[in-house]
N, C-alpha and C. Protein backbone atom coordinates (compact mmCIF):
# COMPACT_ATOMS: atom_id res chain seq x y z
N UNK A 1 0.82 -1.20 0.00
CA UNK A 1 0.00 0.00 0.00
C UNK A 1 0.87 1.26 0.00
N UNK A 2 2.00 1.20 0.70
CA UNK A 2 2.86 2.38 0.77
C UNK A 2 3.47 2.71 -0.59
N UNK A 3 3.80 1.67 -1.37
CA UNK A 3 4.36 1.92 -2.69
C UNK A 3 3.34 2.57 -3.61
N UNK A 4 2.08 2.17 -3.49
CA UNK A 4 1.05 2.78 -4.33
C UNK A 4 0.84 4.25 -3.96
N UNK A 5 0.87 4.55 -2.67
CA UNK A 5 0.73 5.95 -2.26
C UNK A 5 1.92 6.78 -2.75
N UNK A 6 3.11 6.23 -2.65
CA UNK A 6 4.29 6.92 -3.15
C UNK A 6 4.20 7.13 -4.66
N UNK A 7 3.67 6.14 -5.38
CA UNK A 7 3.47 6.27 -6.82
C UNK A 7 2.48 7.36 -7.15
N UNK A 8 1.41 7.46 -6.38
CA UNK A 8 0.41 8.51 -6.60
C UNK A 8 1.02 9.88 -6.34
N UNK A 9 1.82 10.00 -5.27
CA UNK A 9 2.45 11.27 -4.95
C UNK A 9 3.43 11.68 -6.05
N UNK A 10 4.24 10.72 -6.52
CA UNK A 10 5.18 11.03 -7.60
C UNK A 10 4.47 11.43 -8.88
N UNK A 11 3.37 10.76 -9.18
CA UNK A 11 2.62 11.10 -10.38
C UNK A 11 2.04 12.51 -10.29
N UNK A 12 1.50 12.87 -9.15
CA UNK A 12 0.94 14.21 -8.96
C UNK A 12 2.04 15.26 -9.05
N UNK A 13 3.21 15.00 -8.42
CA UNK A 13 4.32 15.94 -8.52
C UNK A 13 4.79 16.09 -9.97
N UNK A 14 4.79 15.01 -10.71
CA UNK A 14 5.17 15.07 -12.12
C UNK A 14 4.21 15.91 -12.94
N UNK A 15 2.91 15.74 -12.69
CA UNK A 15 1.91 16.53 -13.40
C UNK A 15 2.07 18.01 -13.08
N UNK A 16 2.32 18.31 -11.80
CA UNK A 16 2.51 19.71 -11.40
C UNK A 16 3.75 20.30 -12.09
N UNK A 17 4.83 19.53 -12.15
CA UNK A 17 6.04 20.00 -12.81
C UNK A 17 5.82 20.26 -14.29
N UNK A 18 5.10 19.37 -14.95
CA UNK A 18 4.82 19.56 -16.38
C UNK A 18 3.91 20.76 -16.61
N UNK A 19 2.95 20.98 -15.71
CA UNK A 19 2.07 22.15 -15.83
C UNK A 19 2.87 23.44 -15.62
N UNK A 20 3.78 23.45 -14.64
CA UNK A 20 4.62 24.63 -14.42
C UNK A 20 5.50 24.92 -15.63
N UNK A 21 6.02 23.89 -16.25
CA UNK A 21 6.83 24.09 -17.46
C UNK A 21 5.99 24.68 -18.58
N UNK A 22 4.76 24.20 -18.73
CA UNK A 22 3.88 24.72 -19.78
C UNK A 22 3.50 26.17 -19.51
N UNK A 23 3.20 26.50 -18.27
CA UNK A 23 2.83 27.88 -17.93
C UNK A 23 4.00 28.82 -18.16
N UNK A 24 5.21 28.40 -17.74
CA UNK A 24 6.38 29.24 -17.99
C UNK A 24 6.66 29.38 -19.48
N UNK A 25 6.41 28.34 -20.24
CA UNK A 25 6.62 28.41 -21.69
C UNK A 25 5.66 29.40 -22.34
N UNK A 26 4.41 29.40 -21.90
CA UNK A 26 3.42 30.28 -22.51
C UNK A 26 3.56 31.73 -22.06
N UNK A 27 3.97 31.96 -20.81
CA UNK A 27 4.01 33.32 -20.27
C UNK A 27 5.38 33.98 -20.34
N UNK A 28 6.42 33.20 -20.53
CA UNK A 28 7.77 33.74 -20.42
C UNK A 28 8.28 34.37 -21.69
N UNK A 29 9.37 35.09 -21.50
CA UNK A 29 10.06 35.68 -22.63
C UNK A 29 11.11 34.74 -23.14
N UNK A 30 12.10 35.28 -23.82
CA UNK A 30 13.13 34.46 -24.41
C UNK A 30 14.43 34.47 -23.64
N UNK A 31 14.41 34.89 -22.39
CA UNK A 31 15.64 34.98 -21.61
C UNK A 31 16.22 33.61 -21.28
N UNK A 32 17.53 33.62 -21.00
CA UNK A 32 18.21 32.36 -20.69
C UNK A 32 17.67 31.76 -19.41
N UNK A 33 17.34 32.59 -18.42
CA UNK A 33 16.81 32.09 -17.15
C UNK A 33 15.48 31.37 -17.37
N UNK A 34 14.64 31.93 -18.20
CA UNK A 34 13.33 31.34 -18.45
C UNK A 34 13.47 30.00 -19.17
N UNK A 35 14.37 29.91 -20.11
CA UNK A 35 14.57 28.65 -20.83
C UNK A 35 15.09 27.57 -19.90
N UNK A 36 16.01 27.95 -19.00
CA UNK A 36 16.54 26.98 -18.03
C UNK A 36 15.45 26.47 -17.10
N UNK A 37 14.58 27.36 -16.62
CA UNK A 37 13.52 26.92 -15.72
C UNK A 37 12.52 26.01 -16.44
N UNK A 38 12.22 26.33 -17.69
CA UNK A 38 11.31 25.47 -18.46
C UNK A 38 11.89 24.07 -18.62
N UNK A 39 13.17 24.00 -18.97
CA UNK A 39 13.82 22.70 -19.16
C UNK A 39 13.88 21.92 -17.86
N UNK A 40 14.23 22.59 -16.76
CA UNK A 40 14.33 21.90 -15.47
C UNK A 40 12.97 21.39 -15.03
N UNK A 41 11.94 22.23 -15.11
CA UNK A 41 10.59 21.78 -14.72
C UNK A 41 10.10 20.64 -15.60
N UNK A 42 10.38 20.72 -16.89
CA UNK A 42 9.91 19.67 -17.81
C UNK A 42 10.62 18.34 -17.55
N UNK A 43 11.93 18.38 -17.33
CA UNK A 43 12.67 17.14 -17.10
C UNK A 43 12.28 16.52 -15.77
N UNK A 44 12.25 17.32 -14.71
CA UNK A 44 11.87 16.78 -13.40
C UNK A 44 10.42 16.30 -13.40
N UNK A 45 9.54 17.03 -14.05
CA UNK A 45 8.15 16.61 -14.14
C UNK A 45 8.00 15.29 -14.88
N UNK A 46 8.73 15.14 -15.97
CA UNK A 46 8.65 13.89 -16.73
C UNK A 46 9.22 12.72 -15.94
N UNK A 47 10.34 12.94 -15.25
CA UNK A 47 10.94 11.86 -14.45
C UNK A 47 10.00 11.44 -13.33
N UNK A 48 9.45 12.41 -12.60
CA UNK A 48 8.52 12.07 -11.51
C UNK A 48 7.27 11.40 -12.04
N UNK A 49 6.75 11.90 -13.15
CA UNK A 49 5.52 11.34 -13.71
C UNK A 49 5.71 9.89 -14.12
N UNK A 50 6.76 9.62 -14.88
CA UNK A 50 6.97 8.25 -15.36
C UNK A 50 7.40 7.31 -14.25
N UNK A 51 8.11 7.82 -13.24
CA UNK A 51 8.46 6.98 -12.10
C UNK A 51 7.20 6.62 -11.31
N UNK A 52 6.31 7.58 -11.14
CA UNK A 52 5.06 7.31 -10.43
C UNK A 52 4.17 6.34 -11.19
N UNK A 53 4.06 6.52 -12.49
CA UNK A 53 3.26 5.60 -13.30
C UNK A 53 3.86 4.20 -13.26
N UNK A 54 5.18 4.11 -13.31
CA UNK A 54 5.84 2.81 -13.23
C UNK A 54 5.57 2.11 -11.91
N UNK A 55 5.60 2.87 -10.82
CA UNK A 55 5.29 2.27 -9.52
C UNK A 55 3.84 1.80 -9.46
N UNK A 56 2.94 2.59 -10.00
CA UNK A 56 1.53 2.19 -9.96
C UNK A 56 1.27 0.95 -10.81
N UNK A 57 1.95 0.83 -11.94
CA UNK A 57 1.72 -0.33 -12.81
C UNK A 57 2.34 -1.60 -12.23
N UNK A 58 3.47 -1.49 -11.55
CA UNK A 58 4.19 -2.67 -11.08
C UNK A 58 3.80 -3.12 -9.68
N UNK A 59 3.06 -2.32 -8.96
CA UNK A 59 2.68 -2.67 -7.60
C UNK A 59 1.32 -3.32 -7.61
N UNK A 60 1.23 -4.48 -7.01
CA UNK A 60 -0.02 -5.23 -6.96
C UNK A 60 -0.67 -5.04 -5.60
N UNK A 61 -1.99 -4.95 -5.60
CA UNK A 61 -2.74 -4.92 -4.35
C UNK A 61 -2.92 -6.33 -3.83
N UNK A 62 -2.74 -6.50 -2.54
CA UNK A 62 -2.94 -7.79 -1.92
C UNK A 62 -4.36 -7.86 -1.37
N UNK A 63 -5.02 -8.98 -1.58
CA UNK A 63 -6.34 -9.17 -1.02
C UNK A 63 -6.21 -9.48 0.47
N UNK A 64 -6.96 -8.75 1.27
CA UNK A 64 -6.88 -8.98 2.72
C UNK A 64 -8.12 -9.62 3.25
């Protein structure tokens, strides 16, 4: 059960990171700082998202 909760938390953090990257992409200018933040948010969001999805797919619920 703990692995599934951790997977859900990672997935939510990944979605938030990807949303932040999209918002910065749409609202930002062309500065180097803005491009770096977009890339960092997008990479971390993707890593968290896919790690969370992987945990959810590979973790089985036990019948109690």
